[in-house]
Amino acid sequence: MQVLRLSRFLGWFSIGLGLLQFLYGRDLARTIGMRRHTGLIRAFGVREVANGVAILGSPASAPLLMARVAGDAMDLALLASTPVYGPRERANAQWAIAAVAGVTLLDILCAARLSTEDDGELPGLPVYWD
């Protein structure tokens, strides 16, 4: 099933992103104009790693993918609500929002596909994942 490959990819992606957030939280915070939120970015990194490990342990679990969607929503809320102080940081924050939104879409599609047994239940989603 292609959806399981996508789920595993999202698990590995989550681990990689989480390690990046945890290890380089200060640099990331500076890059997107969120200097005061270094600790929060690192905490989000721990959440990402934990969720990625859980997904790799059970890649067919739709609730674990929905947990990624919830984490993405927290990331988007933080990115959208944090004031940025310069044009470069504003542009970087906008790129980060776009990237998180794109991954969120993949998370939602994967979770929706995992939560159904019949393609007829999801008429708007492509069937080529199965």
N, C-alpha and C. Protein backbone atom coordinates (compact mmCIF):
# COMPACT_ATOMS: atom_id res chain seq x y z
N MET A 1 0.83 -1.19 0.00
CA MET A 1 0.00 0.00 0.00
C MET A 1 0.87 1.25 0.00
N GLN A 2 0.61 2.15 -0.92
CA GLN A 2 1.36 3.39 -1.00
C GLN A 2 1.15 4.27 0.22
N VAL A 3 -0.01 4.19 0.82
CA VAL A 3 -0.29 5.05 1.97
C VAL A 3 0.62 4.69 3.15
N LEU A 4 0.98 3.43 3.28
CA LEU A 4 1.90 3.05 4.35
C LEU A 4 3.30 3.59 4.10
N ARG A 5 3.69 3.65 2.83
CA ARG A 5 4.98 4.25 2.51
C ARG A 5 4.97 5.75 2.84
N LEU A 6 3.86 6.42 2.53
CA LEU A 6 3.74 7.83 2.87
C LEU A 6 3.75 8.01 4.39
N SER A 7 3.07 7.15 5.09
CA SER A 7 3.04 7.22 6.55
C SER A 7 4.44 7.06 7.13
N ARG A 8 5.18 6.08 6.63
CA ARG A 8 6.56 5.90 7.10
C ARG A 8 7.43 7.10 6.76
N PHE A 9 7.25 7.64 5.56
CA PHE A 9 8.00 8.85 5.18
C PHE A 9 7.69 9.98 6.17
N LEU A 10 6.41 10.17 6.49
CA LEU A 10 6.04 11.23 7.42
C LEU A 10 6.61 10.97 8.82
N GLY A 11 6.72 9.71 9.21
CA GLY A 11 7.35 9.37 10.48
C GLY A 11 8.82 9.77 10.49
N TRP A 12 9.55 9.40 9.42
CA TRP A 12 10.97 9.78 9.34
C TRP A 12 11.13 11.29 9.21
N PHE A 13 10.24 11.91 8.44
CA PHE A 13 10.29 13.37 8.31
C PHE A 13 10.09 14.04 9.67
N SER A 14 9.16 13.52 10.45
CA SER A 14 8.88 14.06 11.77
C SER A 14 10.10 13.94 12.68
N ILE A 15 10.77 12.81 12.63
CA ILE A 15 11.98 12.62 13.44
C ILE A 15 13.07 13.60 13.01
N GLY A 16 13.29 13.71 11.72
CA GLY A 16 14.31 14.63 11.22
C GLY A 16 14.01 16.08 11.58
N LEU A 17 12.77 16.49 11.37
CA LEU A 17 12.37 17.86 11.70
C LEU A 17 12.49 18.11 13.20
N GLY A 18 12.06 17.14 14.00
CA GLY A 18 12.15 17.28 15.45
C GLY A 18 13.58 17.42 15.93
N LEU A 19 14.47 16.61 15.38
CA LEU A 19 15.89 16.74 15.76
C LEU A 19 16.44 18.10 15.38
N LEU A 20 16.06 18.57 14.19
CA LEU A 20 16.50 19.89 13.75
C LEU A 20 15.99 20.97 14.71
N GLN A 21 14.72 20.89 15.09
CA GLN A 21 14.14 21.88 16.01
C GLN A 21 14.81 21.81 17.37
N PHE A 22 15.08 20.62 17.84
CA PHE A 22 15.66 20.47 19.17
C PHE A 22 17.12 20.92 19.20
N LEU A 23 17.89 20.48 18.22
CA LEU A 23 19.32 20.77 18.22
C LEU A 23 19.64 22.20 17.78
N TYR A 24 18.84 22.75 16.89
CA TYR A 24 19.12 24.08 16.34
C TYR A 24 17.97 25.04 16.60
N GLY A 25 17.31 24.89 17.72
CA GLY A 25 16.17 25.74 18.06
C GLY A 25 16.50 27.21 18.09
N ARG A 26 17.65 27.55 18.64
CA ARG A 26 18.03 28.96 18.72
C ARG A 26 18.24 29.55 17.32
N ASP A 27 18.92 28.80 16.46
CA ASP A 27 19.14 29.29 15.09
C ASP A 27 17.83 29.42 14.32
N LEU A 28 16.95 28.45 14.46
CA LEU A 28 15.65 28.53 13.80
C LEU A 28 14.86 29.72 14.30
N ALA A 29 14.87 29.92 15.61
CA ALA A 29 14.13 31.05 16.20
C ALA A 29 14.66 32.36 15.65
N ARG A 30 15.95 32.49 15.55
CA ARG A 30 16.55 33.72 15.04
C ARG A 30 16.20 33.91 13.57
N THR A 31 16.21 32.84 12.80
CA THR A 31 15.96 32.92 11.36
C THR A 31 14.55 33.42 11.05
N ILE A 32 13.58 33.01 11.85
CA ILE A 32 12.19 33.42 11.55
C ILE A 32 11.69 34.49 12.50
N GLY A 33 12.59 35.13 13.24
CA GLY A 33 12.21 36.26 14.07
C GLY A 33 11.45 35.88 15.33
N MET A 34 11.77 34.73 15.92
CA MET A 34 11.08 34.26 17.11
C MET A 34 12.07 34.02 18.25
N ARG A 35 12.97 34.95 18.47
CA ARG A 35 14.05 34.75 19.44
C ARG A 35 13.57 34.37 20.83
N ARG A 36 12.43 34.85 21.22
CA ARG A 36 11.91 34.57 22.58
C ARG A 36 11.30 33.19 22.71
N HIS A 37 11.17 32.47 21.61
CA HIS A 37 10.47 31.19 21.64
C HIS A 37 11.39 29.99 21.41
N THR A 38 12.67 30.13 21.71
CA THR A 38 13.61 29.03 21.49
C THR A 38 13.20 27.79 22.27
N GLY A 39 12.83 27.94 23.52
CA GLY A 39 12.42 26.79 24.34
C GLY A 39 11.19 26.11 23.78
N LEU A 40 10.25 26.90 23.30
CA LEU A 40 9.03 26.33 22.73
C LEU A 40 9.34 25.57 21.44
N ILE A 41 10.22 26.12 20.63
CA ILE A 41 10.61 25.43 19.39
C ILE A 41 11.28 24.10 19.73
N ARG A 42 12.12 24.09 20.74
CA ARG A 42 12.76 22.83 21.15
C ARG A 42 11.74 21.84 21.69
N ALA A 43 10.76 22.32 22.45
CA ALA A 43 9.71 21.44 22.96
C ALA A 43 8.89 20.85 21.80
N PHE A 44 8.62 21.67 20.80
CA PHE A 44 7.92 21.16 19.62
C PHE A 44 8.77 20.12 18.91
N GLY A 45 10.08 20.28 18.96
CA GLY A 45 10.97 19.28 18.38
C GLY A 45 10.87 17.94 19.08
N VAL A 46 10.80 17.97 20.39
CA VAL A 46 10.63 16.73 21.16
C VAL A 46 9.30 16.07 20.78
N ARG A 47 8.26 16.88 20.65
CA ARG A 47 6.95 16.35 20.24
C ARG A 47 7.04 15.69 18.87
N GLU A 48 7.73 16.33 17.94
CA GLU A 48 7.88 15.78 16.58
C GLU A 48 8.60 14.44 16.61
N VAL A 49 9.69 14.34 17.36
CA VAL A 49 10.45 13.09 17.44
C VAL A 49 9.58 11.98 18.03
N ALA A 50 8.89 12.28 19.11
CA ALA A 50 8.03 11.28 19.75
C ALA A 50 6.94 10.80 18.80
N ASN A 51 6.34 11.74 18.09
CA ASN A 51 5.28 11.37 17.16
C ASN A 51 5.84 10.57 15.99
N GLY A 52 7.02 10.94 15.51
CA GLY A 52 7.64 10.19 14.41
C GLY A 52 7.96 8.75 14.80
N VAL A 53 8.49 8.57 15.99
CA VAL A 53 8.80 7.22 16.48
C VAL A 53 7.52 6.40 16.60
N ALA A 54 6.46 7.03 17.11
CA ALA A 54 5.19 6.33 17.24
C ALA A 54 4.64 5.93 15.87
N ILE A 55 4.74 6.81 14.90
CA ILE A 55 4.25 6.50 13.55
C ILE A 55 5.05 5.35 12.94
N LEU A 56 6.37 5.36 13.11
CA LEU A 56 7.17 4.26 12.57
C LEU A 56 6.83 2.94 13.25
N GLY A 57 6.44 3.01 14.52
CA GLY A 57 6.04 1.80 15.24
C GLY A 57 4.70 1.26 14.79
N SER A 58 3.83 2.13 14.31
CA SER A 58 2.51 1.73 13.86
C SER A 58 2.08 2.60 12.68
N PRO A 59 2.65 2.35 11.50
CA PRO A 59 2.39 3.24 10.37
C PRO A 59 0.97 3.22 9.82
N ALA A 60 0.16 2.24 10.22
CA ALA A 60 -1.21 2.17 9.74
C ALA A 60 -2.19 2.84 10.69
N SER A 61 -1.70 3.57 11.67
CA SER A 61 -2.56 4.19 12.67
C SER A 61 -2.96 5.61 12.26
N ALA A 62 -4.21 5.79 11.90
CA ALA A 62 -4.72 7.11 11.52
C ALA A 62 -4.65 8.11 12.69
N PRO A 63 -4.94 7.69 13.94
CA PRO A 63 -4.85 8.66 15.04
C PRO A 63 -3.45 9.25 15.23
N LEU A 64 -2.42 8.48 14.94
CA LEU A 64 -1.07 9.03 15.06
C LEU A 64 -0.81 10.09 13.99
N LEU A 65 -1.36 9.88 12.81
CA LEU A 65 -1.24 10.91 11.77
C LEU A 65 -2.07 12.14 12.13
N MET A 66 -3.21 11.93 12.75
CA MET A 66 -4.01 13.08 13.19
C MET A 66 -3.30 13.83 14.31
N ALA A 67 -2.50 13.14 15.10
CA ALA A 67 -1.68 13.82 16.11
C ALA A 67 -0.67 14.73 15.43
N ARG A 68 -0.14 14.31 14.28
CA ARG A 68 0.75 15.18 13.51
C ARG A 68 -0.01 16.41 13.02
N VAL A 69 -1.25 16.22 12.59
CA VAL A 69 -2.06 17.35 12.14
C VAL A 69 -2.26 18.34 13.29
N ALA A 70 -2.53 17.83 14.48
CA ALA A 70 -2.69 18.71 15.64
C ALA A 70 -1.40 19.46 15.94
N GLY A 71 -0.27 18.77 15.83
CA GLY A 71 1.02 19.42 16.03
C GLY A 71 1.28 20.48 14.98
N ASP A 72 0.90 20.18 13.73
CA ASP A 72 1.05 21.16 12.66
C ASP A 72 0.19 22.39 12.94
N ALA A 73 -1.00 22.18 13.47
CA ALA A 73 -1.87 23.31 13.81
C ALA A 73 -1.22 24.19 14.88
N MET A 74 -0.58 23.55 15.87
CA MET A 74 0.13 24.34 16.89
C MET A 74 1.29 25.11 16.27
N ASP A 75 2.02 24.46 15.37
CA ASP A 75 3.13 25.14 14.69
C ASP A 75 2.63 26.35 13.90
N LEU A 76 1.54 26.14 13.15
CA LEU A 76 0.99 27.24 12.35
C LEU A 76 0.49 28.38 13.24
N ALA A 77 -0.15 28.03 14.35
CA ALA A 77 -0.63 29.08 15.25
C ALA A 77 0.53 29.89 15.81
N LEU A 78 1.59 29.22 16.19
CA LEU A 78 2.75 29.93 16.72
C LEU A 78 3.39 30.81 15.64
N LEU A 79 3.57 30.27 14.46
CA LEU A 79 4.18 31.03 13.38
C LEU A 79 3.34 32.24 12.99
N ALA A 80 2.03 32.07 12.96
CA ALA A 80 1.15 33.16 12.54
C ALA A 80 1.00 34.24 13.62
N SER A 81 1.18 33.87 14.87
CA SER A 81 0.93 34.83 15.95
C SER A 81 2.18 35.54 16.46
N THR A 82 3.34 35.12 16.02
CA THR A 82 4.57 35.71 16.51
C THR A 82 4.94 36.92 15.65
N PRO A 83 5.16 38.06 16.28
CA PRO A 83 5.57 39.22 15.48
C PRO A 83 7.01 39.03 14.99
N VAL A 84 7.25 39.39 13.76
CA VAL A 84 8.60 39.33 13.21
C VAL A 84 9.11 40.76 13.07
N TYR A 85 10.42 40.92 13.12
CA TYR A 85 10.98 42.26 13.28
C TYR A 85 11.66 42.83 12.05
N GLY A 86 11.76 42.10 10.99
CA GLY A 86 12.40 42.61 9.80
C GLY A 86 11.87 41.93 8.56
N PRO A 87 12.15 42.49 7.39
CA PRO A 87 11.63 41.89 6.16
C PRO A 87 12.18 40.49 5.89
N ARG A 88 13.44 40.25 6.24
CA ARG A 88 14.01 38.91 6.01
C ARG A 88 13.34 37.89 6.92
N GLU A 89 13.16 38.23 8.21
CA GLU A 89 12.49 37.31 9.12
C GLU A 89 11.03 37.08 8.71
N ARG A 90 10.37 38.15 8.24
CA ARG A 90 8.98 38.02 7.79
C ARG A 90 8.90 37.05 6.60
N ALA A 91 9.81 37.19 5.65
CA ALA A 91 9.82 36.29 4.50
C ALA A 91 10.11 34.85 4.93
N ASN A 92 11.04 34.67 5.85
CA ASN A 92 11.36 33.33 6.35
C ASN A 92 10.16 32.72 7.08
N ALA A 93 9.46 33.53 7.85
CA ALA A 93 8.27 33.04 8.56
C ALA A 93 7.19 32.65 7.56
N GLN A 94 7.03 33.41 6.50
CA GLN A 94 6.04 33.07 5.48
C GLN A 94 6.40 31.77 4.77
N TRP A 95 7.67 31.56 4.49
CA TRP A 95 8.11 30.29 3.90
C TRP A 95 7.85 29.13 4.85
N ALA A 96 8.11 29.37 6.14
CA ALA A 96 7.87 28.31 7.13
C ALA A 96 6.38 27.97 7.21
N ILE A 97 5.52 28.99 7.17
CA ILE A 97 4.07 28.75 7.19
C ILE A 97 3.66 27.95 5.97
N ALA A 98 4.18 28.30 4.81
CA ALA A 98 3.84 27.57 3.58
C ALA A 98 4.31 26.12 3.66
N ALA A 99 5.50 25.90 4.19
CA ALA A 99 6.03 24.53 4.30
C ALA A 99 5.20 23.71 5.26
N VAL A 100 4.86 24.28 6.41
CA VAL A 100 4.04 23.54 7.40
C VAL A 100 2.66 23.25 6.82
N ALA A 101 2.09 24.21 6.10
CA ALA A 101 0.77 23.99 5.49
C ALA A 101 0.82 22.85 4.48
N GLY A 102 1.89 22.78 3.69
CA GLY A 102 2.02 21.69 2.72
C GLY A 102 2.13 20.33 3.38
N VAL A 103 2.92 20.25 4.41
CA VAL A 103 3.06 18.97 5.13
C VAL A 103 1.76 18.62 5.84
N THR A 104 1.05 19.63 6.33
CA THR A 104 -0.24 19.39 6.98
C THR A 104 -1.20 18.74 6.00
N LEU A 105 -1.20 19.20 4.77
CA LEU A 105 -2.06 18.60 3.75
C LEU A 105 -1.72 17.12 3.55
N LEU A 106 -0.45 16.80 3.46
CA LEU A 106 -0.04 15.39 3.35
C LEU A 106 -0.49 14.58 4.56
N ASP A 107 -0.34 15.15 5.76
CA ASP A 107 -0.77 14.46 6.98
C ASP A 107 -2.27 14.18 6.94
N ILE A 108 -3.05 15.17 6.53
CA ILE A 108 -4.51 15.00 6.48
C ILE A 108 -4.89 13.94 5.46
N LEU A 109 -4.29 14.00 4.27
CA LEU A 109 -4.61 13.01 3.23
C LEU A 109 -4.24 11.60 3.68
N CYS A 110 -3.08 11.46 4.30
CA CYS A 110 -2.64 10.14 4.75
C CYS A 110 -3.55 9.62 5.87
N ALA A 111 -3.89 10.47 6.82
CA ALA A 111 -4.77 10.06 7.92
C ALA A 111 -6.15 9.69 7.40
N ALA A 112 -6.65 10.47 6.44
CA ALA A 112 -7.98 10.16 5.88
C ALA A 112 -7.96 8.82 5.16
N ARG A 113 -6.90 8.56 4.42
CA ARG A 113 -6.82 7.29 3.70
C ARG A 113 -6.67 6.12 4.67
N LEU A 114 -5.91 6.30 5.73
CA LEU A 114 -5.73 5.23 6.71
C LEU A 114 -7.00 4.95 7.50
N SER A 115 -7.85 5.96 7.65
CA SER A 115 -9.04 5.80 8.48
C SER A 115 -10.21 5.17 7.73
N THR A 116 -10.06 4.91 6.44
CA THR A 116 -11.15 4.30 5.68
C THR A 116 -10.69 2.96 5.12
N GLU A 117 -11.64 2.10 4.90
CA GLU A 117 -11.33 0.80 4.31
C GLU A 117 -11.74 0.73 2.85
N ASP A 118 -12.61 1.63 2.44
CA ASP A 118 -13.16 1.60 1.09
C ASP A 118 -12.91 2.94 0.41
N ASP A 119 -12.35 2.90 -0.80
CA ASP A 119 -12.10 4.14 -1.54
C ASP A 119 -13.38 4.90 -1.85
N GLY A 120 -14.52 4.21 -1.89
CA GLY A 120 -15.79 4.87 -2.15
C GLY A 120 -16.16 5.87 -1.06
N GLU A 121 -15.58 5.69 0.12
CA GLU A 121 -15.88 6.60 1.23
C GLU A 121 -15.19 7.95 1.06
N LEU A 122 -14.18 8.02 0.20
CA LEU A 122 -13.43 9.26 0.01
C LEU A 122 -13.44 9.65 -1.47
N PRO A 123 -14.57 10.11 -1.98
CA PRO A 123 -14.64 10.38 -3.42
C PRO A 123 -13.73 11.50 -3.89
N GLY A 124 -13.33 12.41 -3.03
CA GLY A 124 -12.49 13.51 -3.45
C GLY A 124 -10.99 13.23 -3.41
N LEU A 125 -10.59 12.10 -2.85
CA LEU A 125 -9.17 11.80 -2.72
C LEU A 125 -8.74 10.79 -3.78
N PRO A 126 -7.52 10.90 -4.26
CA PRO A 126 -7.05 9.97 -5.29
C PRO A 126 -6.95 8.55 -4.77
N VAL A 127 -7.23 7.59 -5.65
CA VAL A 127 -7.20 6.18 -5.23
C VAL A 127 -5.84 5.55 -5.45
N TYR A 128 -4.91 6.26 -6.02
CA TYR A 128 -3.63 5.64 -6.36
C TYR A 128 -2.75 5.35 -5.15
N TRP A 129 -3.13 5.74 -3.96
CA TRP A 129 -2.33 5.43 -2.77
C TRP A 129 -2.45 3.95 -2.38
N ASP A 130 -3.53 3.31 -2.78
CA ASP A 130 -3.78 1.94 -2.29
C ASP A 130 -2.99 0.89 -2.99
